[in-house]
Amino acid sequence: MSARDQILADIRAALSDVSPSASVAPRPAARRHTVGDVVGLFAERVADYRATVTRCAPADLARTVTAALVPGASVIVPADLPLPIPDALVDDGARTAADLDRIDAVVTEARVAIAETGTLVLDHGPGQGRRALTLVPDRHVCVVRADQIVADVPDALAVLAPSVRAGRPLTWISGPSATSDIELRRVEGVHGPRTLIVIIVT
């Protein structure tokens, strides 16, 4: 008997006294969250990851994004970002990872954000650019609207279901790129942006 067959046999034996019609406990009803609840929790969790969180009104968005960029630094944006960034390079999809590594910052939007985990999710649709664009430059400024922030992962998966069906890649971002060595010394920027700035448009 193979290991697989043995595991399946053990599972069958463990379930032998369980009725096939046994009811499954219903999932508890989700707690109702206000927009203020989820935005506040998301901002708190993102800050816990050592990211910078800024809130602004729609009319102040361009100024807030500009303030998040280092003066004189090179910046790249997706071709369909609906926000003018002075002197920014526009990604044409032809730049290699080495080319992108010479660019200081990228500005994108997000598809959805998760309050419970402080996570941004990009499906690389409009305003989000391709994956390399968000993973290589050292600073990522990401814009998310308050109405894009959901309470938890199941809510986010419901939003992302059409993207998954369409075969879009998903990038999940929980704070700046970071890792720790065996002595738990934190090192940032090893496999993604060292600096993450999240701008919440309220």
N, C-alpha and C. Protein backbone atom coordinates (compact mmCIF):
# COMPACT_ATOMS: atom_id res chain seq x y z
N MET A 1 0.85 -1.19 0.00
CA MET A 1 0.00 0.00 0.00
C MET A 1 0.89 1.25 0.00
N SER A 2 0.56 2.17 -0.89
CA SER A 2 1.34 3.41 -0.95
C SER A 2 1.03 4.29 0.25
N ALA A 3 1.91 5.28 0.47
CA ALA A 3 1.68 6.23 1.57
C ALA A 3 0.36 6.97 1.37
N ARG A 4 0.05 7.31 0.11
CA ARG A 4 -1.20 8.01 -0.18
C ARG A 4 -2.40 7.14 0.20
N ASP A 5 -2.36 5.88 -0.21
CA ASP A 5 -3.47 4.97 0.09
C ASP A 5 -3.62 4.77 1.61
N GLN A 6 -2.48 4.71 2.31
CA GLN A 6 -2.53 4.54 3.77
C GLN A 6 -3.19 5.75 4.44
N ILE A 7 -2.83 6.96 3.96
CA ILE A 7 -3.42 8.18 4.53
C ILE A 7 -4.92 8.20 4.29
N LEU A 8 -5.35 7.87 3.06
CA LEU A 8 -6.77 7.86 2.75
C LEU A 8 -7.52 6.80 3.57
N ALA A 9 -6.88 5.65 3.77
CA ALA A 9 -7.50 4.60 4.57
C ALA A 9 -7.67 5.06 6.02
N ASP A 10 -6.67 5.74 6.54
CA ASP A 10 -6.75 6.25 7.91
C ASP A 10 -7.87 7.28 8.05
N ILE A 11 -8.01 8.13 7.03
CA ILE A 11 -9.09 9.13 7.07
C ILE A 11 -10.45 8.44 7.04
N ARG A 12 -10.60 7.45 6.17
CA ARG A 12 -11.87 6.72 6.09
C ARG A 12 -12.20 6.05 7.43
N ALA A 13 -11.18 5.47 8.05
CA ALA A 13 -11.41 4.80 9.33
C ALA A 13 -11.82 5.80 10.40
N ALA A 14 -11.20 6.96 10.39
CA ALA A 14 -11.53 7.98 11.39
C ALA A 14 -12.94 8.52 11.20
N LEU A 15 -13.42 8.50 9.96
CA LEU A 15 -14.75 9.04 9.66
C LEU A 15 -15.82 7.96 9.57
N SER A 16 -15.47 6.73 9.92
CA SER A 16 -16.42 5.62 9.72
C SER A 16 -17.70 5.76 10.53
N ASP A 17 -17.62 6.42 11.69
CA ASP A 17 -18.83 6.55 12.52
C ASP A 17 -19.54 7.89 12.33
N VAL A 18 -19.16 8.62 11.29
CA VAL A 18 -19.79 9.91 11.00
C VAL A 18 -20.82 9.72 9.91
N SER A 19 -22.04 10.16 10.16
CA SER A 19 -23.11 10.01 9.18
C SER A 19 -22.86 10.92 7.98
N PRO A 20 -23.03 10.43 6.76
CA PRO A 20 -22.85 11.28 5.57
C PRO A 20 -23.78 12.48 5.57
N SER A 21 -24.91 12.36 6.27
CA SER A 21 -25.87 13.45 6.28
C SER A 21 -25.67 14.40 7.47
N ALA A 22 -24.57 14.19 8.22
CA ALA A 22 -24.33 15.06 9.37
C ALA A 22 -24.21 16.50 8.91
N SER A 23 -24.88 17.35 9.65
CA SER A 23 -24.89 18.75 9.24
C SER A 23 -23.58 19.43 9.63
N VAL A 24 -23.20 20.37 8.81
CA VAL A 24 -22.01 21.16 9.07
C VAL A 24 -22.43 22.41 9.82
N ALA A 25 -21.68 22.75 10.86
CA ALA A 25 -22.03 23.94 11.64
C ALA A 25 -21.99 25.16 10.74
N PRO A 26 -23.02 25.98 10.79
CA PRO A 26 -23.04 27.15 9.92
C PRO A 26 -21.96 28.15 10.32
N ARG A 27 -21.46 28.85 9.34
CA ARG A 27 -20.48 29.90 9.62
C ARG A 27 -21.18 31.02 10.39
N PRO A 28 -20.57 31.51 11.46
CA PRO A 28 -21.22 32.60 12.21
C PRO A 28 -21.50 33.79 11.31
N ALA A 29 -22.59 34.45 11.59
CA ALA A 29 -22.94 35.62 10.80
C ALA A 29 -21.84 36.67 10.93
N ALA A 30 -21.48 37.26 9.81
CA ALA A 30 -20.43 38.27 9.81
C ALA A 30 -20.88 39.51 10.56
N ARG A 31 -19.95 40.07 11.31
CA ARG A 31 -20.27 41.30 12.02
C ARG A 31 -20.35 42.45 11.03
N ARG A 32 -21.33 43.28 11.21
CA ARG A 32 -21.46 44.45 10.35
C ARG A 32 -20.37 45.46 10.66
N HIS A 33 -19.67 45.89 9.64
CA HIS A 33 -18.62 46.87 9.81
C HIS A 33 -19.03 48.16 9.12
N THR A 34 -18.75 49.28 9.76
CA THR A 34 -18.94 50.56 9.08
C THR A 34 -17.69 50.87 8.27
N VAL A 35 -17.82 51.80 7.33
CA VAL A 35 -16.66 52.20 6.54
C VAL A 35 -15.56 52.72 7.46
N GLY A 36 -15.96 53.48 8.48
CA GLY A 36 -14.97 54.00 9.42
C GLY A 36 -14.23 52.90 10.15
N ASP A 37 -14.93 51.82 10.51
CA ASP A 37 -14.29 50.68 11.17
C ASP A 37 -13.18 50.10 10.31
N VAL A 38 -13.51 49.78 9.07
CA VAL A 38 -12.54 49.08 8.24
C VAL A 38 -11.38 49.99 7.83
N VAL A 39 -11.66 51.24 7.57
CA VAL A 39 -10.58 52.16 7.20
C VAL A 39 -9.63 52.35 8.38
N GLY A 40 -10.18 52.55 9.57
CA GLY A 40 -9.35 52.73 10.75
C GLY A 40 -8.51 51.51 11.06
N LEU A 41 -9.13 50.32 10.98
CA LEU A 41 -8.40 49.09 11.25
C LEU A 41 -7.32 48.86 10.20
N PHE A 42 -7.66 49.09 8.94
CA PHE A 42 -6.67 48.91 7.87
C PHE A 42 -5.46 49.84 8.10
N ALA A 43 -5.72 51.10 8.39
CA ALA A 43 -4.62 52.04 8.62
C ALA A 43 -3.75 51.59 9.79
N GLU A 44 -4.37 51.09 10.83
CA GLU A 44 -3.63 50.63 12.01
C GLU A 44 -2.76 49.42 11.67
N ARG A 45 -3.32 48.46 10.94
CA ARG A 45 -2.57 47.24 10.62
C ARG A 45 -1.43 47.54 9.64
N VAL A 46 -1.68 48.41 8.67
CA VAL A 46 -0.61 48.77 7.73
C VAL A 46 0.53 49.45 8.46
N ALA A 47 0.21 50.34 9.39
CA ALA A 47 1.26 51.01 10.17
C ALA A 47 2.04 50.02 11.01
N ASP A 48 1.38 48.96 11.48
CA ASP A 48 2.08 47.92 12.26
C ASP A 48 3.19 47.26 11.43
N TYR A 49 3.01 47.24 10.12
CA TYR A 49 4.01 46.63 9.23
C TYR A 49 5.17 47.59 8.91
N ARG A 50 5.18 48.76 9.54
CA ARG A 50 6.20 49.78 9.29
C ARG A 50 6.04 50.44 7.93
N ALA A 51 4.84 50.42 7.42
CA ALA A 51 4.53 51.21 6.22
C ALA A 51 4.05 52.58 6.67
N THR A 52 4.08 53.53 5.76
CA THR A 52 3.57 54.87 6.05
C THR A 52 2.14 54.96 5.52
N VAL A 53 1.24 55.45 6.35
CA VAL A 53 -0.16 55.57 5.95
C VAL A 53 -0.56 57.04 6.01
N THR A 54 -1.16 57.51 4.91
CA THR A 54 -1.64 58.89 4.84
C THR A 54 -3.06 58.87 4.33
N ARG A 55 -3.91 59.71 4.91
CA ARG A 55 -5.28 59.84 4.41
C ARG A 55 -5.41 61.21 3.76
N CYS A 56 -6.21 61.26 2.71
CA CYS A 56 -6.44 62.55 2.06
C CYS A 56 -7.79 62.56 1.37
N ALA A 57 -8.28 63.74 1.08
CA ALA A 57 -9.49 63.91 0.30
C ALA A 57 -9.14 63.77 -1.18
N PRO A 58 -10.12 63.41 -2.01
CA PRO A 58 -9.83 63.28 -3.45
C PRO A 58 -9.18 64.51 -4.05
N ALA A 59 -9.60 65.68 -3.62
CA ALA A 59 -9.05 66.92 -4.19
C ALA A 59 -7.58 67.11 -3.84
N ASP A 60 -7.12 66.44 -2.77
CA ASP A 60 -5.73 66.60 -2.33
C ASP A 60 -4.83 65.45 -2.77
N LEU A 61 -5.36 64.53 -3.58
CA LEU A 61 -4.61 63.32 -3.90
C LEU A 61 -3.30 63.62 -4.63
N ALA A 62 -3.35 64.42 -5.67
CA ALA A 62 -2.14 64.69 -6.45
C ALA A 62 -1.05 65.30 -5.56
N ARG A 63 -1.44 66.24 -4.71
CA ARG A 63 -0.47 66.88 -3.83
C ARG A 63 0.09 65.88 -2.82
N THR A 64 -0.76 64.99 -2.31
CA THR A 64 -0.33 64.00 -1.32
C THR A 64 0.64 63.00 -1.94
N VAL A 65 0.36 62.56 -3.16
CA VAL A 65 1.27 61.63 -3.84
C VAL A 65 2.61 62.30 -4.08
N THR A 66 2.59 63.54 -4.56
CA THR A 66 3.85 64.26 -4.81
C THR A 66 4.66 64.39 -3.53
N ALA A 67 3.99 64.64 -2.41
CA ALA A 67 4.68 64.78 -1.13
C ALA A 67 5.30 63.46 -0.67
N ALA A 68 4.76 62.33 -1.14
CA ALA A 68 5.28 61.01 -0.75
C ALA A 68 6.52 60.61 -1.55
N LEU A 69 6.84 61.38 -2.57
CA LEU A 69 7.99 61.07 -3.42
C LEU A 69 9.19 61.92 -3.02
N VAL A 70 10.36 61.37 -3.16
CA VAL A 70 11.59 62.09 -2.83
C VAL A 70 11.90 63.07 -3.95
N PRO A 71 12.09 64.35 -3.64
CA PRO A 71 12.38 65.33 -4.69
C PRO A 71 13.60 64.92 -5.51
N GLY A 72 13.46 64.99 -6.82
CA GLY A 72 14.55 64.65 -7.71
C GLY A 72 14.69 63.17 -8.00
N ALA A 73 13.95 62.32 -7.31
CA ALA A 73 14.03 60.88 -7.54
C ALA A 73 13.28 60.50 -8.80
N SER A 74 13.71 59.44 -9.45
CA SER A 74 13.02 58.97 -10.65
C SER A 74 11.77 58.19 -10.25
N VAL A 75 10.71 58.37 -11.03
CA VAL A 75 9.41 57.76 -10.72
C VAL A 75 8.84 57.16 -11.99
N ILE A 76 8.21 56.01 -11.85
CA ILE A 76 7.54 55.38 -12.99
C ILE A 76 6.09 55.10 -12.60
N VAL A 77 5.20 55.16 -13.57
CA VAL A 77 3.78 54.91 -13.33
C VAL A 77 3.22 54.03 -14.43
N PRO A 78 2.14 53.29 -14.16
CA PRO A 78 1.46 52.55 -15.23
C PRO A 78 0.92 53.52 -16.27
N ALA A 79 0.84 53.07 -17.49
CA ALA A 79 0.37 53.94 -18.58
C ALA A 79 -1.06 54.42 -18.36
N ASP A 80 -1.86 53.63 -17.63
CA ASP A 80 -3.27 53.99 -17.43
C ASP A 80 -3.55 54.52 -16.03
N LEU A 81 -2.52 54.98 -15.31
CA LEU A 81 -2.78 55.57 -14.00
C LEU A 81 -3.54 56.87 -14.19
N PRO A 82 -4.73 57.01 -13.59
CA PRO A 82 -5.55 58.21 -13.82
C PRO A 82 -5.16 59.37 -12.90
N LEU A 83 -3.88 59.62 -12.83
CA LEU A 83 -3.38 60.66 -11.93
C LEU A 83 -2.09 61.21 -12.52
N PRO A 84 -2.04 62.50 -12.82
CA PRO A 84 -0.81 63.05 -13.39
C PRO A 84 0.29 63.16 -12.35
N ILE A 85 1.46 62.60 -12.67
CA ILE A 85 2.63 62.70 -11.80
C ILE A 85 3.71 63.44 -12.60
N PRO A 86 4.02 64.66 -12.23
CA PRO A 86 4.98 65.45 -13.01
C PRO A 86 6.32 64.72 -13.16
N ASP A 87 6.83 64.73 -14.38
CA ASP A 87 8.16 64.17 -14.71
C ASP A 87 8.25 62.66 -14.53
N ALA A 88 7.13 61.98 -14.34
CA ALA A 88 7.19 60.53 -14.18
C ALA A 88 7.39 59.84 -15.52
N LEU A 89 8.13 58.74 -15.49
CA LEU A 89 8.25 57.86 -16.65
C LEU A 89 6.96 57.05 -16.76
N VAL A 90 6.54 56.77 -17.96
CA VAL A 90 5.33 55.96 -18.18
C VAL A 90 5.76 54.59 -18.66
N ASP A 91 5.34 53.56 -17.97
CA ASP A 91 5.77 52.21 -18.31
C ASP A 91 5.17 51.76 -19.63
N ASP A 92 6.04 51.31 -20.53
CA ASP A 92 5.58 50.80 -21.82
C ASP A 92 5.65 49.28 -21.88
N GLY A 93 6.04 48.65 -20.77
CA GLY A 93 6.12 47.20 -20.71
C GLY A 93 7.42 46.64 -21.25
N ALA A 94 8.28 47.48 -21.79
CA ALA A 94 9.52 47.00 -22.40
C ALA A 94 10.71 47.02 -21.45
N ARG A 95 10.61 47.75 -20.36
CA ARG A 95 11.75 47.85 -19.44
C ARG A 95 11.96 46.52 -18.71
N THR A 96 13.22 46.13 -18.61
CA THR A 96 13.58 44.90 -17.93
C THR A 96 13.64 45.14 -16.42
N ALA A 97 13.81 44.06 -15.67
CA ALA A 97 13.97 44.21 -14.22
C ALA A 97 15.19 45.06 -13.90
N ALA A 98 16.25 44.90 -14.67
CA ALA A 98 17.45 45.73 -14.45
C ALA A 98 17.15 47.20 -14.70
N ASP A 99 16.35 47.49 -15.73
CA ASP A 99 15.96 48.88 -16.01
C ASP A 99 15.14 49.43 -14.84
N LEU A 100 14.19 48.64 -14.35
CA LEU A 100 13.32 49.09 -13.26
C LEU A 100 14.11 49.27 -11.97
N ASP A 101 15.17 48.49 -11.81
CA ASP A 101 15.98 48.59 -10.59
C ASP A 101 16.70 49.94 -10.50
N ARG A 102 16.84 50.62 -11.62
CA ARG A 102 17.49 51.94 -11.63
C ARG A 102 16.48 53.07 -11.40
N ILE A 103 15.21 52.72 -11.23
CA ILE A 103 14.16 53.71 -10.97
C ILE A 103 13.84 53.70 -9.49
N ASP A 104 13.72 54.88 -8.91
CA ASP A 104 13.59 54.99 -7.45
C ASP A 104 12.22 54.62 -6.91
N ALA A 105 11.16 54.95 -7.63
CA ALA A 105 9.82 54.79 -7.05
C ALA A 105 8.79 54.47 -8.12
N VAL A 106 7.70 53.86 -7.67
CA VAL A 106 6.56 53.59 -8.53
C VAL A 106 5.29 54.04 -7.81
N VAL A 107 4.33 54.54 -8.59
CA VAL A 107 3.03 54.93 -8.05
C VAL A 107 1.97 54.09 -8.74
N THR A 108 1.13 53.41 -7.96
CA THR A 108 0.05 52.60 -8.53
C THR A 108 -1.21 52.77 -7.70
N GLU A 109 -2.28 52.19 -8.19
CA GLU A 109 -3.49 52.01 -7.41
C GLU A 109 -3.54 50.56 -6.93
N ALA A 110 -4.53 50.22 -6.11
CA ALA A 110 -4.76 48.85 -5.67
C ALA A 110 -6.13 48.40 -6.15
N ARG A 111 -6.35 47.10 -6.15
CA ARG A 111 -7.68 46.57 -6.49
C ARG A 111 -8.57 46.48 -5.26
N VAL A 112 -7.98 46.02 -4.15
CA VAL A 112 -8.75 45.87 -2.91
C VAL A 112 -7.75 45.91 -1.76
N ALA A 113 -8.23 46.25 -0.57
CA ALA A 113 -7.40 46.25 0.63
C ALA A 113 -8.16 45.54 1.74
N ILE A 114 -7.43 44.87 2.63
CA ILE A 114 -8.05 44.04 3.67
C ILE A 114 -7.72 44.63 5.03
N ALA A 115 -8.75 45.04 5.75
CA ALA A 115 -8.54 45.69 7.05
C ALA A 115 -7.94 44.73 8.08
N GLU A 116 -8.46 43.53 8.16
CA GLU A 116 -8.05 42.59 9.20
C GLU A 116 -6.56 42.26 9.14
N THR A 117 -6.01 42.20 7.93
CA THR A 117 -4.61 41.80 7.77
C THR A 117 -3.71 42.96 7.34
N GLY A 118 -4.28 44.12 7.05
CA GLY A 118 -3.46 45.24 6.58
C GLY A 118 -2.81 44.97 5.24
N THR A 119 -3.53 44.28 4.37
CA THR A 119 -2.98 43.82 3.09
C THR A 119 -3.58 44.57 1.92
N LEU A 120 -2.72 44.95 0.98
CA LEU A 120 -3.15 45.47 -0.32
C LEU A 120 -3.11 44.32 -1.32
N VAL A 121 -4.08 44.28 -2.21
CA VAL A 121 -4.05 43.26 -3.26
C VAL A 121 -4.17 43.97 -4.61
N LEU A 122 -3.26 43.65 -5.50
CA LEU A 122 -3.28 44.17 -6.87
C LEU A 122 -3.60 43.02 -7.81
N ASP A 123 -4.52 43.26 -8.74
CA ASP A 123 -4.77 42.24 -9.78
C ASP A 123 -4.19 42.70 -11.11
N HIS A 124 -3.43 43.79 -11.07
CA HIS A 124 -2.70 44.32 -12.22
C HIS A 124 -3.63 44.71 -13.37
N GLY A 125 -4.80 45.19 -12.96
CA GLY A 125 -5.72 45.79 -13.90
C GLY A 125 -5.41 47.27 -14.06
N PRO A 126 -6.39 48.07 -14.47
CA PRO A 126 -6.17 49.50 -14.71
C PRO A 126 -5.55 50.22 -13.51
N GLY A 127 -4.54 51.01 -13.78
CA GLY A 127 -3.90 51.81 -12.76
C GLY A 127 -2.93 51.08 -11.86
N GLN A 128 -2.73 49.77 -12.09
CA GLN A 128 -1.90 48.97 -11.19
C GLN A 128 -0.58 48.50 -11.81
N GLY A 129 -0.50 48.51 -13.12
CA GLY A 129 0.75 48.12 -13.76
C GLY A 129 1.02 46.63 -13.70
N ARG A 130 2.10 46.22 -14.34
CA ARG A 130 2.49 44.81 -14.32
C ARG A 130 3.22 44.50 -13.02
N ARG A 131 3.38 43.21 -12.72
CA ARG A 131 3.94 42.79 -11.43
C ARG A 131 5.34 43.35 -11.21
N ALA A 132 6.19 43.27 -12.22
CA ALA A 132 7.58 43.73 -12.03
C ALA A 132 7.62 45.20 -11.64
N LEU A 133 6.67 45.95 -12.15
CA LEU A 133 6.64 47.39 -11.86
C LEU A 133 6.44 47.65 -10.37
N THR A 134 5.71 46.78 -9.69
CA THR A 134 5.41 46.99 -8.27
C THR A 134 6.37 46.25 -7.36
N LEU A 135 7.25 45.43 -7.91
CA LEU A 135 8.15 44.63 -7.08
C LEU A 135 9.61 45.08 -7.12
N VAL A 136 10.00 45.85 -8.14
CA VAL A 136 11.42 46.15 -8.30
C VAL A 136 11.83 47.53 -7.76
N PRO A 137 11.18 48.63 -8.13
CA PRO A 137 11.60 49.92 -7.56
C PRO A 137 11.55 49.91 -6.03
N ASP A 138 12.43 50.69 -5.41
CA ASP A 138 12.63 50.62 -3.97
C ASP A 138 11.51 51.25 -3.15
N ARG A 139 10.73 52.14 -3.77
CA ARG A 139 9.64 52.82 -3.06
C ARG A 139 8.35 52.60 -3.84
N HIS A 140 7.32 52.15 -3.14
CA HIS A 140 6.01 51.94 -3.77
C HIS A 140 5.00 52.83 -3.08
N VAL A 141 4.42 53.75 -3.84
CA VAL A 141 3.33 54.59 -3.34
C VAL A 141 2.04 54.01 -3.92
N CYS A 142 1.18 53.52 -3.05
CA CYS A 142 -0.04 52.84 -3.51
C CYS A 142 -1.27 53.60 -3.02
N VAL A 143 -2.15 53.89 -3.95
CA VAL A 143 -3.37 54.65 -3.66
C VAL A 143 -4.54 53.67 -3.57
N VAL A 144 -5.31 53.79 -2.48
CA VAL A 144 -6.49 52.95 -2.32
C VAL A 144 -7.64 53.82 -1.82
N ARG A 145 -8.82 53.65 -2.41
CA ARG A 145 -9.99 54.39 -1.97
C ARG A 145 -10.61 53.71 -0.75
N ALA A 146 -11.23 54.51 0.09
CA ALA A 146 -11.86 53.96 1.30
C ALA A 146 -12.87 52.88 0.95
N ASP A 147 -13.59 53.03 -0.17
CA ASP A 147 -14.61 52.04 -0.51
C ASP A 147 -14.01 50.76 -1.10
N GLN A 148 -12.69 50.72 -1.28
CA GLN A 148 -12.02 49.49 -1.73
C GLN A 148 -11.53 48.66 -0.55
N ILE A 149 -11.66 49.17 0.66
CA ILE A 149 -11.18 48.46 1.84
C ILE A 149 -12.30 47.58 2.38
N VAL A 150 -12.03 46.29 2.48
CA VAL A 150 -13.02 45.34 2.99
C VAL A 150 -12.56 44.81 4.34
N ALA A 151 -13.47 44.15 5.04
CA ALA A 151 -13.19 43.74 6.42
C ALA A 151 -12.16 42.62 6.52
N ASP A 152 -12.33 41.57 5.70
CA ASP A 152 -11.48 40.39 5.89
C ASP A 152 -11.18 39.70 4.57
N VAL A 153 -10.43 38.60 4.66
CA VAL A 153 -9.98 37.89 3.46
C VAL A 153 -11.15 37.33 2.64
N PRO A 154 -12.16 36.69 3.25
CA PRO A 154 -13.28 36.22 2.43
C PRO A 154 -13.94 37.34 1.63
N ASP A 155 -14.08 38.52 2.23
CA ASP A 155 -14.65 39.65 1.49
C ASP A 155 -13.76 40.03 0.31
N ALA A 156 -12.45 39.99 0.53
CA ALA A 156 -11.51 40.33 -0.56
C ALA A 156 -11.58 39.29 -1.67
N LEU A 157 -11.69 38.02 -1.30
CA LEU A 157 -11.76 36.97 -2.31
C LEU A 157 -13.00 37.11 -3.17
N ALA A 158 -14.10 37.56 -2.58
CA ALA A 158 -15.32 37.79 -3.36
C ALA A 158 -15.09 38.88 -4.40
N VAL A 159 -14.36 39.94 -4.01
CA VAL A 159 -14.05 41.02 -4.95
C VAL A 159 -13.12 40.52 -6.05
N LEU A 160 -12.18 39.65 -5.68
CA LEU A 160 -11.14 39.21 -6.61
C LEU A 160 -11.56 38.03 -7.49
N ALA A 161 -12.72 37.44 -7.21
CA ALA A 161 -13.14 36.25 -7.96
C ALA A 161 -13.14 36.47 -9.47
N PRO A 162 -13.67 37.59 -9.99
CA PRO A 162 -13.62 37.78 -11.44
C PRO A 162 -12.19 37.86 -11.98
N SER A 163 -11.28 38.43 -11.21
CA SER A 163 -9.89 38.52 -11.64
C SER A 163 -9.26 37.13 -11.71
N VAL A 164 -9.58 36.30 -10.74
CA VAL A 164 -9.07 34.92 -10.73
C VAL A 164 -9.60 34.15 -11.94
N ARG A 165 -10.90 34.30 -12.19
CA ARG A 165 -11.49 33.60 -13.33
C ARG A 165 -10.89 34.06 -14.64
N ALA A 166 -10.49 35.34 -14.70
CA ALA A 166 -9.89 35.88 -15.92
C ALA A 166 -8.41 35.53 -16.03
N GLY A 167 -7.86 34.88 -15.02
CA GLY A 167 -6.46 34.47 -15.06
C GLY A 167 -5.48 35.58 -14.74
N ARG A 168 -5.94 36.64 -14.07
CA ARG A 168 -5.03 37.73 -13.72
C ARG A 168 -4.11 37.31 -12.57
N PRO A 169 -2.85 37.74 -12.60
CA PRO A 169 -1.99 37.48 -11.43
C PRO A 169 -2.41 38.37 -10.28
N LEU A 170 -2.24 37.89 -9.07
CA LEU A 170 -2.56 38.67 -7.88
C LEU A 170 -1.27 38.91 -7.09
N THR A 171 -1.07 40.13 -6.65
CA THR A 171 0.05 40.45 -5.78
C THR A 171 -0.50 40.92 -4.45
N TRP A 172 -0.14 40.22 -3.39
CA TRP A 172 -0.61 40.53 -2.03
C TRP A 172 0.53 41.22 -1.30
N ILE A 173 0.28 42.40 -0.79
CA ILE A 173 1.33 43.21 -0.17
C ILE A 173 0.94 43.54 1.27
N SER A 174 1.71 43.02 2.20
CA SER A 174 1.51 43.33 3.62
C SER A 174 2.76 44.03 4.13
N GLY A 175 2.82 45.32 3.93
CA GLY A 175 3.95 46.11 4.39
C GLY A 175 5.12 46.07 3.43
N PRO A 176 6.20 46.79 3.77
CA PRO A 176 7.41 46.77 2.94
C PRO A 176 7.99 45.36 2.89
N SER A 177 8.75 45.09 1.84
CA SER A 177 9.44 43.80 1.76
C SER A 177 10.39 43.67 2.94
N ALA A 178 10.33 42.55 3.65
CA ALA A 178 11.21 42.36 4.80
C ALA A 178 11.43 40.89 5.06
N THR A 179 12.56 40.59 5.64
CA THR A 179 12.87 39.23 6.07
C THR A 179 13.75 39.33 7.30
N SER A 180 13.97 38.22 7.96
CA SER A 180 14.83 38.19 9.14
C SER A 180 15.82 37.05 9.01
N ASP A 181 17.04 37.29 9.51
CA ASP A 181 18.02 36.21 9.50
C ASP A 181 17.82 35.33 10.73
N ILE A 182 18.72 34.37 10.94
CA ILE A 182 18.54 33.40 12.03
C ILE A 182 18.57 34.06 13.40
N GLU A 183 19.19 35.24 13.49
CA GLU A 183 19.22 35.97 14.76
C GLU A 183 18.09 37.00 14.86
N LEU A 184 17.11 36.89 13.94
CA LEU A 184 15.92 37.73 13.91
C LEU A 184 16.22 39.20 13.67
N ARG A 185 17.32 39.47 12.98
CA ARG A 185 17.60 40.83 12.56
C ARG A 185 16.80 41.11 11.31
N ARG A 186 16.00 42.14 11.36
CA ARG A 186 15.11 42.48 10.25
C ARG A 186 15.90 43.16 9.14
N VAL A 187 15.69 42.69 7.91
CA VAL A 187 16.32 43.28 6.74
C VAL A 187 15.21 43.61 5.75
N GLU A 188 15.16 44.86 5.30
CA GLU A 188 14.09 45.29 4.41
C GLU A 188 14.60 45.48 2.99
N GLY A 189 13.72 45.27 2.03
CA GLY A 189 14.05 45.51 0.64
C GLY A 189 14.75 44.37 -0.06
N VAL A 190 14.69 43.17 0.50
CA VAL A 190 15.41 42.04 -0.10
C VAL A 190 14.69 41.54 -1.35
N HIS A 191 13.38 41.44 -1.28
CA HIS A 191 12.63 40.88 -2.41
C HIS A 191 11.42 41.73 -2.76
N GLY A 192 11.60 43.04 -2.69
CA GLY A 192 10.52 43.96 -3.05
C GLY A 192 10.84 45.34 -2.51
N PRO A 193 9.91 46.26 -2.64
CA PRO A 193 10.16 47.64 -2.20
C PRO A 193 10.50 47.73 -0.71
N ARG A 194 11.54 48.51 -0.43
CA ARG A 194 11.96 48.74 0.95
C ARG A 194 11.01 49.69 1.68
N THR A 195 10.36 50.56 0.91
CA THR A 195 9.46 51.57 1.48
C THR A 195 8.09 51.46 0.85
N LEU A 196 7.06 51.32 1.68
CA LEU A 196 5.69 51.27 1.19
C LEU A 196 4.93 52.45 1.79
N ILE A 197 4.33 53.24 0.94
CA ILE A 197 3.51 54.37 1.38
C ILE A 197 2.10 54.15 0.85
N VAL A 198 1.15 54.05 1.76
CA VAL A 198 -0.24 53.80 1.39
C VAL A 198 -1.03 55.10 1.59
N ILE A 199 -1.67 55.53 0.53
CA ILE A 199 -2.49 56.73 0.59
C ILE A 199 -3.95 56.32 0.49
N ILE A 200 -4.69 56.58 1.56
CA ILE A 200 -6.11 56.23 1.59
C ILE A 200 -6.92 57.45 1.22
N VAL A 201 -7.69 57.34 0.16
CA VAL A 201 -8.52 58.45 -0.30
C VAL A 201 -9.89 58.31 0.35
N THR A 202 -10.22 59.25 1.24
CA THR A 202 -11.46 59.15 2.00
C THR A 202 -12.49 60.17 1.50
